[in-house]
N, C-alpha and C. Protein backbone atom coordinates (compact mmCIF):
# COMPACT_ATOMS: atom_id res chain seq x y z
N MET A 1 1.57 178.86 25.98
CA MET A 1 2.75 178.00 25.94
C MET A 1 3.90 178.94 26.47
N ASN A 2 4.67 178.42 27.38
CA ASN A 2 5.81 179.19 27.96
C ASN A 2 7.07 178.83 27.07
N ALA A 3 7.95 179.84 27.01
CA ALA A 3 9.22 179.67 26.29
C ALA A 3 10.19 180.53 26.82
N ASN A 4 11.39 180.09 26.88
CA ASN A 4 12.47 180.98 27.43
C ASN A 4 12.93 182.01 26.31
N VAL A 5 13.13 183.25 26.71
CA VAL A 5 13.59 184.21 25.73
C VAL A 5 15.03 184.76 26.15
N SER A 6 15.88 184.78 25.15
CA SER A 6 17.20 185.23 25.51
C SER A 6 17.68 186.27 24.32
N THR A 7 18.44 187.16 24.66
CA THR A 7 19.08 188.05 23.63
C THR A 7 20.30 187.22 23.14
N PHE A 8 20.46 187.21 21.85
CA PHE A 8 21.66 186.30 21.26
C PHE A 8 22.50 187.33 20.61
N LEU A 9 23.78 187.31 20.98
CA LEU A 9 24.92 188.13 20.40
C LEU A 9 25.86 187.38 19.65
N MET A 10 26.13 187.65 18.50
CA MET A 10 27.19 187.03 17.56
C MET A 10 28.38 187.85 17.45
N PHE A 11 29.48 187.40 17.84
CA PHE A 11 30.79 188.23 17.72
C PHE A 11 31.72 187.47 16.83
N ASP A 12 32.76 188.17 16.45
CA ASP A 12 33.77 187.64 15.52
C ASP A 12 35.09 187.49 16.23
N GLY A 13 35.10 186.70 17.28
CA GLY A 13 36.27 186.39 18.02
C GLY A 13 36.50 187.03 19.35
N ARG A 14 35.49 187.85 19.72
CA ARG A 14 35.54 188.56 21.07
C ARG A 14 34.41 188.38 22.05
N ALA A 15 33.74 187.17 21.79
CA ALA A 15 32.54 186.91 22.61
C ALA A 15 32.93 186.80 24.13
N GLU A 16 33.87 186.08 24.41
CA GLU A 16 34.25 185.95 25.91
C GLU A 16 34.70 187.23 26.57
N GLU A 17 35.46 188.02 25.78
CA GLU A 17 35.88 189.31 26.28
C GLU A 17 34.68 190.20 26.57
N ALA A 18 33.73 190.28 25.59
CA ALA A 18 32.48 191.08 25.75
C ALA A 18 31.64 190.58 26.87
N MET A 19 31.43 189.23 27.05
CA MET A 19 30.66 188.80 28.09
C MET A 19 31.31 189.07 29.45
N ASN A 20 32.58 188.88 29.61
CA ASN A 20 33.24 189.27 30.90
C ASN A 20 33.06 190.68 31.21
N PHE A 21 33.06 191.62 30.25
CA PHE A 21 32.92 193.07 30.43
C PHE A 21 31.51 193.32 30.83
N TYR A 22 30.51 192.76 30.21
CA TYR A 22 29.04 192.93 30.51
C TYR A 22 28.81 192.55 31.87
N VAL A 23 29.29 191.27 32.24
CA VAL A 23 29.04 190.81 33.61
C VAL A 23 29.62 191.71 34.72
N SER A 24 30.86 192.38 34.30
CA SER A 24 31.40 193.24 35.33
C SER A 24 30.64 194.51 35.55
N LEU A 25 29.71 194.86 34.81
CA LEU A 25 29.00 196.07 34.88
C LEU A 25 27.92 196.04 35.85
N PHE A 26 27.38 194.84 36.21
CA PHE A 26 26.21 194.72 37.19
C PHE A 26 26.50 193.87 38.30
N GLU A 27 26.03 194.15 39.54
CA GLU A 27 26.22 193.32 40.66
C GLU A 27 25.48 192.07 40.66
N GLN A 28 24.33 191.99 40.00
CA GLN A 28 23.61 190.68 39.87
C GLN A 28 23.71 190.25 38.43
N ALA A 29 24.97 189.71 38.09
CA ALA A 29 25.26 189.24 36.82
C ALA A 29 26.21 188.06 36.88
N LYS A 30 26.04 187.04 36.09
CA LYS A 30 26.94 185.81 36.23
C LYS A 30 27.01 185.17 34.86
N ILE A 31 28.05 184.44 34.70
CA ILE A 31 28.24 183.52 33.53
C ILE A 31 27.65 182.11 33.85
N ASN A 32 26.83 181.69 33.17
CA ASN A 32 26.05 180.49 33.49
C ASN A 32 26.67 179.17 32.83
N LYS A 33 27.24 179.51 31.59
CA LYS A 33 27.83 178.32 30.81
C LYS A 33 28.75 178.94 29.74
N ILE A 34 29.76 178.31 29.48
CA ILE A 34 30.70 178.66 28.39
C ILE A 34 31.29 177.33 27.81
N VAL A 35 31.23 177.23 26.50
CA VAL A 35 31.79 176.13 25.79
C VAL A 35 32.80 176.70 24.68
N HIS A 36 34.00 176.20 24.67
CA HIS A 36 34.97 176.72 23.67
C HIS A 36 35.26 175.61 22.61
N TYR A 37 35.57 176.22 21.37
CA TYR A 37 35.97 175.28 20.38
C TYR A 37 37.33 174.68 20.70
N GLN A 38 37.35 173.41 20.35
CA GLN A 38 38.60 172.60 20.64
C GLN A 38 39.42 172.49 19.21
N LYS A 39 40.57 172.08 19.31
CA LYS A 39 41.48 171.80 18.14
C LYS A 39 40.65 170.96 17.20
N ASN A 40 40.77 171.37 15.90
CA ASN A 40 40.22 170.71 14.79
C ASN A 40 38.69 170.70 14.71
N GLU A 41 38.10 171.68 15.40
CA GLU A 41 36.61 171.99 15.28
C GLU A 41 36.27 173.07 14.36
N ALA A 42 35.06 173.32 14.06
CA ALA A 42 34.72 174.30 13.11
C ALA A 42 35.24 175.75 13.34
N GLY A 43 35.30 176.07 14.62
CA GLY A 43 35.74 177.48 15.02
C GLY A 43 37.23 177.49 15.41
N LYS A 44 37.70 178.75 15.61
CA LYS A 44 39.12 178.81 15.97
C LYS A 44 39.16 178.29 17.49
N GLU A 45 40.29 177.48 17.61
CA GLU A 45 40.53 176.91 18.99
C GLU A 45 40.49 177.93 20.10
N GLY A 46 39.70 177.70 21.10
CA GLY A 46 39.57 178.57 22.20
C GLY A 46 38.49 179.72 22.12
N SER A 47 37.92 179.82 20.94
CA SER A 47 36.85 180.79 20.73
C SER A 47 35.61 180.12 21.29
N VAL A 48 34.43 180.89 21.43
CA VAL A 48 33.28 180.53 21.98
C VAL A 48 32.31 179.85 21.07
N VAL A 49 31.99 178.58 21.35
CA VAL A 49 30.97 177.88 20.66
C VAL A 49 29.61 178.39 21.13
N LEU A 50 29.39 178.56 22.49
CA LEU A 50 28.18 179.00 23.05
C LEU A 50 28.46 179.40 24.50
N ALA A 51 28.00 180.55 24.81
CA ALA A 51 28.07 180.97 26.24
C ALA A 51 26.72 181.56 26.56
N GLU A 52 26.41 181.42 27.93
CA GLU A 52 25.14 181.90 28.43
C GLU A 52 25.44 182.65 29.62
N PHE A 53 24.84 183.87 29.75
CA PHE A 53 25.10 184.73 31.03
C PHE A 53 23.82 185.53 31.23
N SER A 54 23.82 186.11 32.47
CA SER A 54 22.58 187.00 32.79
C SER A 54 23.13 188.25 33.39
N LEU A 55 22.28 189.25 33.11
CA LEU A 55 22.51 190.62 33.75
C LEU A 55 21.32 191.00 34.39
N ASN A 56 21.23 191.05 35.77
CA ASN A 56 20.16 191.42 36.52
C ASN A 56 18.86 190.63 36.09
N GLY A 57 18.98 189.25 35.89
CA GLY A 57 17.91 188.31 35.59
C GLY A 57 17.64 188.31 34.11
N GLN A 58 18.25 189.11 33.19
CA GLN A 58 17.93 189.03 31.78
C GLN A 58 18.91 188.04 31.18
N ASN A 59 18.42 187.10 30.49
CA ASN A 59 19.25 186.05 29.87
C ASN A 59 19.92 186.56 28.53
N PHE A 60 21.25 186.24 28.31
CA PHE A 60 21.88 186.55 27.10
C PHE A 60 22.66 185.21 26.65
N MET A 61 22.80 185.12 25.40
CA MET A 61 23.69 184.00 24.91
C MET A 61 24.59 184.77 23.92
N CYS A 62 25.79 184.07 23.69
CA CYS A 62 26.75 184.71 22.69
C CYS A 62 27.51 183.61 22.11
N ILE A 63 28.11 183.86 20.90
CA ILE A 63 29.09 183.07 20.22
C ILE A 63 30.09 183.86 19.55
N ASP A 64 31.14 183.03 19.14
CA ASP A 64 32.12 183.51 18.18
C ASP A 64 31.74 182.80 16.82
N SER A 65 31.29 183.52 15.81
CA SER A 65 30.84 182.92 14.60
C SER A 65 32.10 182.38 13.96
N PRO A 66 32.13 181.11 13.58
CA PRO A 66 33.22 180.55 12.76
C PRO A 66 33.25 181.14 11.35
N GLY A 67 32.17 181.55 10.87
CA GLY A 67 32.00 182.07 9.46
C GLY A 67 32.14 183.64 9.48
N LYS A 68 32.60 184.20 8.40
CA LYS A 68 32.51 185.61 8.19
C LYS A 68 31.23 186.04 7.60
N HIS A 69 30.81 187.22 8.12
CA HIS A 69 29.53 187.80 7.62
C HIS A 69 29.71 189.20 7.15
N ASN A 70 28.88 189.67 6.33
CA ASN A 70 28.91 191.03 5.82
C ASN A 70 27.96 191.85 6.62
N PHE A 71 27.68 191.51 7.88
CA PHE A 71 26.96 192.31 8.81
C PHE A 71 27.54 192.22 10.24
N THR A 72 27.03 193.10 11.10
CA THR A 72 27.43 193.07 12.44
C THR A 72 26.23 193.73 13.22
N PHE A 73 26.39 194.18 14.39
CA PHE A 73 25.34 194.80 15.21
C PHE A 73 24.78 196.04 14.62
N THR A 74 23.60 196.31 14.90
CA THR A 74 22.93 197.66 14.51
C THR A 74 22.33 198.38 15.68
N PRO A 75 22.46 199.66 15.70
CA PRO A 75 21.91 200.42 16.85
C PRO A 75 20.34 200.34 16.81
N SER A 76 19.72 199.89 15.80
CA SER A 76 18.23 199.77 15.72
C SER A 76 17.67 198.73 16.77
N ILE A 77 18.59 197.91 17.24
CA ILE A 77 18.28 197.03 18.35
C ILE A 77 19.40 197.27 19.43
N SER A 78 18.84 197.49 20.62
CA SER A 78 19.80 197.84 21.71
C SER A 78 19.35 197.28 23.00
N VAL A 79 20.25 197.27 23.92
CA VAL A 79 20.01 196.86 25.27
C VAL A 79 19.56 198.03 26.12
N TYR A 80 18.40 197.99 26.70
CA TYR A 80 17.83 199.22 27.34
C TYR A 80 17.88 199.00 28.91
N ILE A 81 18.56 199.87 29.58
CA ILE A 81 18.79 199.77 31.04
C ILE A 81 18.02 200.85 31.72
N LYS A 82 17.07 200.48 32.68
CA LYS A 82 16.54 201.43 33.57
C LYS A 82 17.41 201.51 34.92
N CYS A 83 18.23 202.60 34.96
CA CYS A 83 19.15 202.74 36.01
C CYS A 83 18.53 203.12 37.34
N ILE A 84 19.13 202.70 38.41
CA ILE A 84 18.55 202.90 39.74
C ILE A 84 19.07 204.24 40.38
N SER A 85 20.15 204.85 39.87
CA SER A 85 20.54 206.13 40.45
C SER A 85 21.29 206.88 39.38
N GLU A 86 21.46 208.10 39.68
CA GLU A 86 22.33 208.95 38.81
C GLU A 86 23.83 208.44 38.80
N THR A 87 24.30 207.91 39.95
CA THR A 87 25.66 207.40 40.03
C THR A 87 25.69 206.26 39.12
N HIS A 88 24.76 205.35 39.18
CA HIS A 88 24.69 204.14 38.25
C HIS A 88 24.69 204.45 36.86
N ILE A 89 23.82 205.41 36.33
CA ILE A 89 23.88 205.65 35.01
C ILE A 89 25.18 206.37 34.53
N GLU A 90 25.72 207.17 35.34
CA GLU A 90 26.96 207.83 34.93
C GLU A 90 28.11 206.81 34.82
N GLU A 91 28.15 205.79 35.75
CA GLU A 91 29.15 204.79 35.76
C GLU A 91 28.96 203.90 34.48
N LEU A 92 27.77 203.40 34.27
CA LEU A 92 27.54 202.61 33.04
C LEU A 92 27.93 203.32 31.86
N TYR A 93 27.47 204.61 31.69
CA TYR A 93 27.71 205.44 30.51
C TYR A 93 29.11 205.55 30.26
N ASN A 94 29.86 205.81 31.23
CA ASN A 94 31.38 206.05 31.02
C ASN A 94 32.05 204.80 30.67
N ARG A 95 31.64 203.67 31.29
CA ARG A 95 32.28 202.37 31.02
C ARG A 95 31.83 201.88 29.56
N LEU A 96 30.71 202.05 29.17
CA LEU A 96 30.26 201.55 27.97
C LEU A 96 30.70 202.38 26.78
N LYS A 97 30.88 203.67 26.95
CA LYS A 97 31.30 204.53 25.88
C LYS A 97 32.75 204.44 25.48
N ALA A 98 33.49 203.98 26.50
CA ALA A 98 34.99 203.89 26.28
C ALA A 98 35.31 202.93 25.10
N GLY A 99 36.01 203.56 24.09
CA GLY A 99 36.34 202.76 22.95
C GLY A 99 35.18 202.58 21.97
N GLY A 100 34.03 203.13 22.20
CA GLY A 100 32.76 203.08 21.37
C GLY A 100 32.44 204.35 20.68
N LYS A 101 31.19 204.43 20.55
CA LYS A 101 30.48 205.62 19.88
C LYS A 101 29.36 206.19 20.81
N ILE A 102 29.22 207.49 20.77
CA ILE A 102 28.06 208.05 21.48
C ILE A 102 27.08 208.43 20.40
N PHE A 103 25.77 207.87 20.54
CA PHE A 103 24.75 208.19 19.72
C PHE A 103 23.88 209.51 20.30
N MET A 104 23.67 209.43 21.68
CA MET A 104 23.15 210.55 22.36
C MET A 104 23.86 210.71 23.62
N GLU A 105 24.33 212.02 23.78
CA GLU A 105 25.08 212.42 25.05
C GLU A 105 24.23 212.15 26.23
N MET A 106 24.79 211.95 27.30
CA MET A 106 24.17 211.71 28.59
C MET A 106 23.73 213.13 29.04
N ARG A 107 22.34 213.35 29.05
CA ARG A 107 21.75 214.59 29.56
C ARG A 107 20.28 214.44 29.84
N SER A 108 19.66 215.51 30.09
CA SER A 108 18.26 215.45 30.22
C SER A 108 17.52 215.73 28.88
N TYR A 109 16.60 214.91 28.59
CA TYR A 109 15.80 215.14 27.35
C TYR A 109 14.24 215.25 27.76
N GLY A 110 13.47 215.66 26.93
CA GLY A 110 12.00 215.79 27.22
C GLY A 110 11.41 214.55 27.74
N PHE A 111 11.90 213.45 27.28
CA PHE A 111 11.30 212.16 27.74
C PHE A 111 11.92 211.51 28.92
N SER A 112 13.14 212.15 29.38
CA SER A 112 13.85 211.54 30.51
C SER A 112 14.64 212.56 31.30
N LYS A 113 14.78 212.37 32.60
CA LYS A 113 15.56 213.25 33.32
C LYS A 113 17.07 213.18 32.95
N LYS A 114 17.47 211.88 32.72
CA LYS A 114 18.90 211.61 32.29
C LYS A 114 18.88 210.47 31.53
N PHE A 115 19.46 210.63 30.19
CA PHE A 115 19.50 209.49 29.35
C PHE A 115 20.73 209.47 28.37
N GLY A 116 21.28 208.46 27.96
CA GLY A 116 22.43 208.37 27.09
C GLY A 116 22.31 207.10 26.26
N TRP A 117 22.77 207.18 25.11
CA TRP A 117 22.74 206.07 24.11
C TRP A 117 24.10 205.88 23.51
N VAL A 118 24.69 204.67 23.70
CA VAL A 118 26.00 204.44 23.27
C VAL A 118 26.22 203.12 22.56
N GLU A 119 27.20 203.00 21.75
CA GLU A 119 27.63 201.75 21.19
C GLU A 119 28.91 201.43 21.89
N ASP A 120 29.04 200.27 22.52
CA ASP A 120 30.20 199.86 23.13
C ASP A 120 31.38 199.50 22.10
N ARG A 121 32.54 199.09 22.72
CA ARG A 121 33.69 198.86 21.90
C ARG A 121 33.50 197.51 21.16
N PHE A 122 32.48 196.68 21.44
CA PHE A 122 32.21 195.42 20.78
C PHE A 122 31.10 195.71 19.68
N GLY A 123 30.51 196.71 19.62
CA GLY A 123 29.52 197.10 18.64
C GLY A 123 28.07 196.96 19.09
N VAL A 124 27.93 196.65 20.42
CA VAL A 124 26.55 196.48 20.93
C VAL A 124 25.98 197.77 21.37
N SER A 125 24.84 198.11 21.06
CA SER A 125 24.19 199.45 21.42
C SER A 125 23.40 199.25 22.76
N TRP A 126 23.59 200.35 23.61
CA TRP A 126 22.90 200.46 24.96
C TRP A 126 22.24 201.76 25.05
N GLN A 127 21.02 201.65 25.56
CA GLN A 127 20.23 202.88 25.89
C GLN A 127 20.15 202.96 27.38
N LEU A 128 20.56 203.99 28.05
CA LEU A 128 20.61 204.10 29.51
C LEU A 128 19.71 205.16 29.93
N ASN A 129 18.78 204.88 30.81
CA ASN A 129 17.78 205.80 31.26
C ASN A 129 17.57 205.93 32.78
N PHE A 130 17.58 207.15 33.34
CA PHE A 130 17.28 207.39 34.69
C PHE A 130 16.10 208.39 34.77
N ASP A 131 14.98 208.00 35.30
CA ASP A 131 13.85 209.02 35.44
C ASP A 131 13.77 209.58 36.80
């Protein structure tokens, strides 16, 4: 049986900002769909009911949750990127770490010629690898 698989990201009011940032990171990226809450609907007017976007062919969905939760993103699940060049990995690393956290500095490790692991300013974890 075939099924579509997408990574689903839940934000607290910053879904559209995060999606626009992620799409700006890749040449082959696009926003496929975005629906906003309207006045008198469950979520804050103008926030994201549902958005769909793709990064280099990988599908993502995101929302702005109208409810408050006692959880957020965790680094135990991350977006893993196999970078095509050292320039590419350096650019992604620098843009993603801005305003976020560094879990593993960009450098050579035994398992990789160049690797970095960061959490971006929206709380999403990214592992960047260049072999």
